[in-house]
């Protein structure tokens, strides 16, 4: 399932990094209890919010860790404004986007199905986004999936235009993001490295946190 971006996902990771780095997190519009905008969720919106956050906090050039859709938005933003970004570490980014794939994702975002079949996940979504907001967040995320199915913004040309150093990573047991699409992105990017986490699924909570921190320190430097 596409991971809905909100900063509480990184609560376990952040304290382990703060002794070596200045760490900043933020929520995209409509996530983590933020106000839900009237307009449709879009990568352009999220990328603009990321760029604005970097400028507002004088972080440029900012090193980025982008998980799932957050990584997609970070790459899109860096192609537009490379001066704002340093190194970009992505994990479990879905690069292959078609309407067929969007249809499969939307089925996994159906609120009635989630409530009936995976109530614990429904409770987590309520906790993340609020009792009165989580269903609308999923509906708007479904619209985003359709939009990307119609127009995959990270096309080959855009990926090859990105000049920032990128570490593209994925779990070898990720059932949503394939090794093939990840390797293709790695080969298309101008300045990239590839990392495959062994025995690892899509969910961030399934990643070995010690290994992740080691890879971050190796990539970003100390």
Protein backbone atom coordinates (compact mmCIF):
# COMPACT_ATOMS: atom_id res chain seq x y z
CA UNK A 1 0.00 0.00 0.00
CA UNK A 2 1.23 3.50 -0.81
CA UNK A 3 2.49 5.01 2.41
CA UNK A 4 0.76 8.26 3.37
CA UNK A 5 3.42 10.76 4.24
CA UNK A 6 3.52 12.03 7.79
CA UNK A 7 6.44 12.70 10.07
CA UNK A 8 5.44 10.42 12.97
CA UNK A 9 6.60 7.50 10.83
CA UNK A 10 10.15 8.57 11.69
CA UNK A 11 9.75 8.82 15.47
CA UNK A 12 11.99 5.81 16.11
CA UNK A 13 14.63 6.93 13.65
CA UNK A 14 15.03 10.62 14.54
CA UNK A 15 16.49 10.31 18.07
CA UNK A 16 19.19 7.99 16.74
CA UNK A 17 20.30 10.58 14.19
CA UNK A 18 20.20 13.79 16.21
CA UNK A 19 23.55 13.19 17.91
CA UNK A 20 25.23 13.55 14.50
CA UNK A 21 22.85 15.60 12.35
CA UNK A 22 20.37 18.45 12.53
CA UNK A 23 17.12 16.67 11.72
CA UNK A 24 13.96 18.34 10.42
CA UNK A 25 10.64 16.71 9.56
CA UNK A 26 7.34 18.04 8.32
CA UNK A 27 3.93 16.87 7.14
CA UNK A 28 2.54 17.39 3.67
CA UNK A 29 -0.83 19.13 3.44
CA UNK A 30 -3.65 16.96 4.72
CA UNK A 31 -1.32 14.58 6.55
CA UNK A 32 -0.62 14.14 10.23
CA UNK A 33 -3.63 16.27 11.15
CA UNK A 34 -2.70 19.19 8.88
CA UNK A 35 -5.52 21.05 7.19
CA UNK A 36 -6.77 19.23 4.10
CA UNK A 37 -6.64 21.51 1.05
CA UNK A 38 -9.63 21.87 -1.25
CA UNK A 39 -7.51 21.09 -4.30
CA UNK A 40 -6.49 17.58 -5.26
CA UNK A 41 -3.29 16.15 -3.76
CA UNK A 42 -0.49 16.37 -6.29
CA UNK A 43 3.24 15.79 -6.48
CA UNK A 44 3.66 19.39 -7.61
CA UNK A 45 1.91 20.53 -4.42
CA UNK A 46 4.01 18.30 -2.17
CA UNK A 47 7.26 19.18 -3.95
CA UNK A 48 6.45 22.87 -3.59
CA UNK A 49 5.81 22.43 0.13
CA UNK A 50 9.13 20.65 0.56
CA UNK A 51 11.02 23.37 -1.31
CA UNK A 52 9.25 26.08 0.70
CA UNK A 53 10.11 24.31 3.97
CA UNK A 54 13.79 24.19 3.01
CA UNK A 55 13.84 27.88 2.10
CA UNK A 56 11.85 28.97 5.16
CA UNK A 57 14.27 27.21 7.51
CA UNK A 58 17.43 28.20 5.60
CA UNK A 59 18.43 24.57 5.09
CA UNK A 60 19.73 24.69 1.52
CA UNK A 61 21.40 22.59 0.35
CA UNK A 62 19.40 20.06 2.40
CA UNK A 63 20.15 16.35 2.47
CA UNK A 64 16.90 14.42 2.16
CA UNK A 65 15.65 11.03 3.26
CA UNK A 66 12.47 10.37 1.31
CA UNK A 67 10.39 7.28 1.97
CA UNK A 68 7.80 6.07 -0.56
CA UNK A 69 5.81 9.04 -1.94
CA UNK A 70 8.06 11.42 0.00
CA UNK A 71 11.02 10.23 -2.04
CA UNK A 72 9.09 10.68 -5.27
CA UNK A 73 8.21 14.27 -4.32
CA UNK A 74 11.82 15.01 -3.29
CA UNK A 75 13.20 13.84 -6.63
CA UNK A 76 10.62 15.88 -8.53
CA UNK A 77 11.44 18.95 -6.44
CA UNK A 78 15.20 18.53 -6.92
CA UNK A 79 14.83 18.47 -10.71
CA UNK A 80 13.07 21.83 -10.52
CA UNK A 81 15.24 23.48 -7.87
CA UNK A 82 18.52 21.55 -7.55
CA UNK A 83 20.17 24.34 -5.57
CA UNK A 84 17.91 23.62 -2.59
CA UNK A 85 19.03 20.02 -2.28
CA UNK A 86 22.16 18.14 -1.33
CA UNK A 87 22.14 14.34 -1.33
CA UNK A 88 18.85 12.48 -1.66
CA UNK A 89 18.32 9.03 -0.12
CA UNK A 90 15.12 7.37 -1.32
CA UNK A 91 13.54 4.21 0.03
CA UNK A 92 10.67 2.22 -1.52
CA UNK A 93 9.74 4.77 -4.17
CA UNK A 94 7.24 3.60 -6.77
CA UNK A 95 8.72 4.72 -10.09
CA UNK A 96 6.53 2.65 -12.41
CA UNK A 97 3.18 4.43 -12.77
CA UNK A 98 0.31 3.32 -15.00
CA UNK A 99 -3.48 3.41 -14.74
CA UNK A 100 -3.46 -0.36 -14.19
CA UNK A 101 -1.14 0.07 -11.21
CA UNK A 102 -3.23 3.00 -9.94
CA UNK A 103 -6.35 0.82 -10.04
CA UNK A 104 -4.67 -1.80 -7.85
CA UNK A 105 -3.49 0.85 -5.38
CA UNK A 106 -6.92 2.45 -5.15
CA UNK A 107 -8.48 -0.87 -4.19
CA UNK A 108 -6.08 -1.02 -1.23
CA UNK A 109 -7.15 2.49 -0.17
CA UNK A 110 -10.85 1.68 0.13
CA UNK A 111 -11.88 2.83 3.60
CA UNK A 112 -14.69 0.30 4.08
CA UNK A 113 -12.38 -2.58 3.19
CA UNK A 114 -9.65 -1.31 5.50
CA UNK A 115 -12.09 -0.88 8.40
CA UNK A 116 -13.55 -4.35 7.90
CA UNK A 117 -10.47 -6.41 7.06
CA UNK A 118 -7.54 -4.56 8.69
CA UNK A 119 -9.06 -2.64 11.62
CA UNK A 120 -5.69 -2.15 13.29
CA UNK A 121 -4.45 -0.30 10.21
CA UNK A 122 -7.65 1.77 10.25
CA UNK A 123 -6.92 2.71 13.87
CA UNK A 124 -3.39 3.72 12.88
CA UNK A 125 -4.73 5.94 10.09
CA UNK A 126 -7.15 7.56 12.52
CA UNK A 127 -4.26 8.18 14.89
CA UNK A 128 -2.12 9.66 12.11
CA UNK A 129 -4.67 11.85 10.38
CA UNK A 130 -7.62 12.28 12.74
CA UNK A 131 -11.02 10.64 13.11
CA UNK A 132 -12.68 13.21 10.87
CA UNK A 133 -9.92 13.34 8.23
CA UNK A 134 -8.45 9.92 7.48
CA UNK A 135 -11.14 8.86 5.00
CA UNK A 136 -10.80 12.09 3.03
CA UNK A 137 -7.00 11.72 3.05
CA UNK A 138 -7.35 8.27 1.47
CA UNK A 139 -9.85 9.56 -1.08
CA UNK A 140 -7.50 12.36 -2.11
CA UNK A 141 -4.59 9.91 -2.21
CA UNK A 142 -6.62 7.75 -4.60
CA UNK A 143 -7.04 10.80 -6.85
CA UNK A 144 -3.28 11.29 -6.75
CA UNK A 145 -2.71 7.68 -7.82
CA UNK A 146 -4.98 8.18 -10.83
CA UNK A 147 -3.20 11.41 -11.73
CA UNK A 148 0.19 9.68 -11.65
CA UNK A 149 -1.23 6.77 -13.65
CA UNK A 150 -2.23 9.22 -16.36
CA UNK A 151 1.00 11.21 -16.17
CA UNK A 152 4.03 9.71 -14.42
CA UNK A 153 5.93 12.90 -13.61
CA UNK A 154 9.25 11.13 -13.07
CA UNK A 155 9.63 10.16 -16.69
CA UNK A 156 13.00 9.09 -18.06
CA UNK A 157 13.90 12.61 -19.17
CA UNK A 158 13.18 14.14 -15.79
CA UNK A 159 15.11 11.45 -13.92
CA UNK A 160 18.12 11.91 -16.18
CA UNK A 161 17.98 15.68 -15.58
CA UNK A 162 18.47 15.33 -11.82
CA UNK A 163 22.03 16.35 -10.97
CA UNK A 164 21.98 15.76 -7.20
CA UNK A 165 23.60 12.62 -5.85
CA UNK A 166 20.89 10.05 -5.19
CA UNK A 167 20.93 6.75 -3.31
CA UNK A 168 18.01 4.67 -4.59
CA UNK A 169 17.04 1.86 -2.21
CA UNK A 170 14.36 -0.79 -1.92
CA UNK A 171 13.65 -3.90 0.12
CA UNK A 172 14.15 -7.18 -1.69
CA UNK A 173 10.71 -8.40 -0.50
CA UNK A 174 8.82 -5.20 -1.29
CA UNK A 175 5.57 -6.34 -2.93
CA UNK A 176 4.69 -2.86 -4.14
CA UNK A 177 7.97 -1.60 -5.58
CA UNK A 178 9.86 -3.96 -7.87
CA UNK A 179 13.60 -4.44 -8.07
CA UNK A 180 13.32 -3.90 -11.84
CA UNK A 181 11.81 -0.42 -11.64
CA UNK A 182 14.24 0.57 -8.89
CA UNK A 183 17.25 -0.58 -10.90
CA UNK A 184 15.88 1.19 -13.97
CA UNK A 185 15.62 4.45 -12.01
CA UNK A 186 19.14 3.99 -10.65
CA UNK A 187 20.49 3.52 -14.17
CA UNK A 188 18.54 6.50 -15.52
CA UNK A 189 19.59 8.97 -12.83
CA UNK A 190 22.69 10.97 -13.67
CA UNK A 191 24.54 10.55 -10.36
CA UNK A 192 23.20 7.62 -8.39
CA UNK A 193 23.93 4.61 -6.24
CA UNK A 194 21.80 1.52 -5.64
CA UNK A 195 21.02 -0.17 -2.33
CA UNK A 196 18.91 -3.28 -1.81
CA UNK A 197 17.92 -4.09 1.76
CA UNK A 198 17.82 -7.86 2.36
CA UNK A 199 14.77 -9.57 3.83
CA UNK A 200 12.88 -6.26 3.81
CA UNK A 201 9.27 -5.39 2.94
CA UNK A 202 7.71 -2.06 1.92
CA UNK A 203 6.64 -0.75 5.32
CA UNK A 204 9.18 1.56 6.93
CA UNK A 205 8.70 -0.22 10.24
CA UNK A 206 9.98 -3.44 8.65
CA UNK A 207 13.38 -1.95 7.75
CA UNK A 208 16.30 -2.86 10.01
CA UNK A 209 16.87 0.48 11.69
CA UNK A 210 20.54 -0.13 12.54
CA UNK A 211 21.28 -0.97 8.92
CA UNK A 212 19.34 2.09 7.75
CA UNK A 213 21.30 4.41 10.02
CA UNK A 214 24.58 2.85 8.88
CA UNK A 215 23.64 3.44 5.25
CA UNK A 216 22.60 7.02 6.00
CA UNK A 217 25.89 7.79 7.70
CA UNK A 218 27.83 6.19 4.85
CA UNK A 219 25.91 8.17 2.24
CA UNK A 220 25.59 11.56 3.92
CA UNK A 221 28.91 11.53 5.73
CA UNK A 222 29.36 12.76 9.30
